[in-house]
């Protein structure tokens, strides 16, 4: 079983080589002339005007997003402690299998 530690590390390392190679060559590519002229790199964006116009929508969305992240991440991190307090000495693997298979949001929905 000790040799499996090396196997997964080598697999991860070899799996990282193709995307890093593509990323390197993509950074070295020259942008097309049309893209360079139409890009927004040199555009001046009036951020104050955007905030002034959309603040009434931006604040509620930000608050809702914060509350969702607060509940979703805290449940994901502390779920074993919470369930241990609610159901002491219980086998929790049947509860976590759907979370592992479908993602952490399936319990919250």
Protein backbone atom coordinates (compact mmCIF):
# COMPACT_ATOMS: atom_id res chain seq x y z
CA UNK A 1 0.00 0.00 0.00
CA UNK A 2 2.94 2.32 0.54
CA UNK A 3 3.76 2.34 -3.17
CA UNK A 4 0.34 3.88 -3.92
CA UNK A 5 1.49 7.18 -2.43
CA UNK A 6 4.04 7.51 -5.20
CA UNK A 7 1.58 6.35 -7.86
CA UNK A 8 -1.02 9.05 -7.29
CA UNK A 9 1.65 11.77 -7.06
CA UNK A 10 3.26 10.65 -10.31
CA UNK A 11 -0.18 10.42 -11.97
CA UNK A 12 -1.05 13.93 -10.82
CA UNK A 13 2.29 15.27 -11.99
CA UNK A 14 2.02 13.63 -15.40
CA UNK A 15 -1.57 14.78 -15.73
CA UNK A 16 -0.47 18.37 -15.19
CA UNK A 17 2.05 18.33 -18.04
CA UNK A 18 -0.34 18.59 -21.07
CA UNK A 19 -2.40 21.53 -19.74
CA UNK A 20 0.71 23.40 -18.65
CA UNK A 21 2.26 22.84 -22.07
CA UNK A 22 -0.84 24.19 -23.81
CA UNK A 23 -0.92 27.15 -21.40
CA UNK A 24 2.74 27.96 -22.11
CA UNK A 25 2.29 27.87 -25.88
CA UNK A 26 -0.93 29.89 -25.63
CA UNK A 27 0.90 32.62 -23.73
CA UNK A 28 3.60 32.68 -26.42
CA UNK A 29 1.12 33.06 -29.30
CA UNK A 30 0.70 36.41 -30.97
CA UNK A 31 -2.77 37.90 -30.78
CA UNK A 32 -4.56 38.56 -34.03
CA UNK A 33 -4.50 42.11 -35.41
CA UNK A 34 -8.26 42.47 -35.30
CA UNK A 35 -8.43 41.30 -31.68
CA UNK A 36 -5.65 43.67 -30.68
CA UNK A 37 -7.47 46.66 -32.17
CA UNK A 38 -10.86 45.73 -30.72
CA UNK A 39 -9.72 44.63 -27.26
CA UNK A 40 -10.82 46.60 -24.22
CA UNK A 41 -7.33 46.78 -22.77
CA UNK A 42 -7.04 50.49 -23.49
CA UNK A 43 -10.70 51.38 -23.03
CA UNK A 44 -11.68 53.71 -20.24
CA UNK A 45 -14.51 52.24 -18.20
CA UNK A 46 -16.50 54.65 -16.01
CA UNK A 47 -16.70 52.45 -12.90
CA UNK A 48 -18.25 55.21 -10.79
CA UNK A 49 -21.06 55.59 -13.32
CA UNK A 50 -21.67 51.82 -13.32
CA UNK A 51 -21.87 51.75 -9.51
CA UNK A 52 -24.06 54.84 -9.45
CA UNK A 53 -26.50 53.29 -11.90
CA UNK A 54 -26.62 49.70 -10.57
CA UNK A 55 -26.04 50.06 -6.80
CA UNK A 56 -29.67 49.25 -6.02
CA UNK A 57 -29.28 45.83 -7.69
CA UNK A 58 -25.69 45.22 -6.69
CA UNK A 59 -26.16 45.49 -2.91
CA UNK A 60 -29.00 42.90 -2.54
CA UNK A 61 -27.28 40.45 -4.88
CA UNK A 62 -24.04 40.81 -2.92
CA UNK A 63 -25.82 40.22 0.40
CA UNK A 64 -27.67 37.16 -0.93
CA UNK A 65 -24.46 35.78 -2.42
CA UNK A 66 -22.63 36.30 0.90
CA UNK A 67 -25.39 34.54 2.88
CA UNK A 68 -25.46 31.63 0.46
CA UNK A 69 -21.66 31.20 0.56
CA UNK A 70 -21.66 31.50 4.34
CA UNK A 71 -24.23 28.73 4.72
CA UNK A 72 -22.95 26.47 1.92
CA UNK A 73 -19.27 26.54 2.86
CA UNK A 74 -19.85 26.29 6.59
CA UNK A 75 -22.14 23.29 6.08
CA UNK A 76 -19.53 21.67 3.88
CA UNK A 77 -16.68 22.26 6.31
CA UNK A 78 -18.45 21.55 9.59
CA UNK A 79 -21.06 19.04 8.43
CA UNK A 80 -19.43 16.10 10.20
CA UNK A 81 -19.32 18.00 13.50
CA UNK A 82 -22.91 19.18 13.15
CA UNK A 83 -24.21 15.71 12.30
CA UNK A 84 -22.17 14.16 15.12
CA UNK A 85 -23.93 16.46 17.58
CA UNK A 86 -27.37 15.80 16.08
CA UNK A 87 -26.93 12.02 15.67
CA UNK A 88 -24.31 10.83 18.17
CA UNK A 89 -22.39 7.61 17.43
CA UNK A 90 -24.09 7.14 14.07
CA UNK A 91 -22.54 5.84 10.87
CA UNK A 92 -22.51 8.90 8.63
CA UNK A 93 -21.28 7.34 5.39
CA UNK A 94 -24.82 6.82 3.94
CA UNK A 95 -25.46 10.53 4.51
CA UNK A 96 -22.30 11.66 2.74
CA UNK A 97 -22.40 9.34 -0.27
CA UNK A 98 -24.89 11.53 -2.21
CA UNK A 99 -22.73 14.54 -1.41
CA UNK A 100 -19.66 12.86 -2.80
CA UNK A 101 -21.41 11.56 -5.89
CA UNK A 102 -23.42 14.64 -6.91
CA UNK A 103 -21.56 17.49 -5.21
CA UNK A 104 -22.06 19.36 -2.00
CA UNK A 105 -25.13 21.30 -3.17
CA UNK A 106 -27.47 18.30 -3.39
CA UNK A 107 -28.13 18.34 0.38
CA UNK A 108 -28.77 22.08 0.41
CA UNK A 109 -31.30 21.93 -2.39
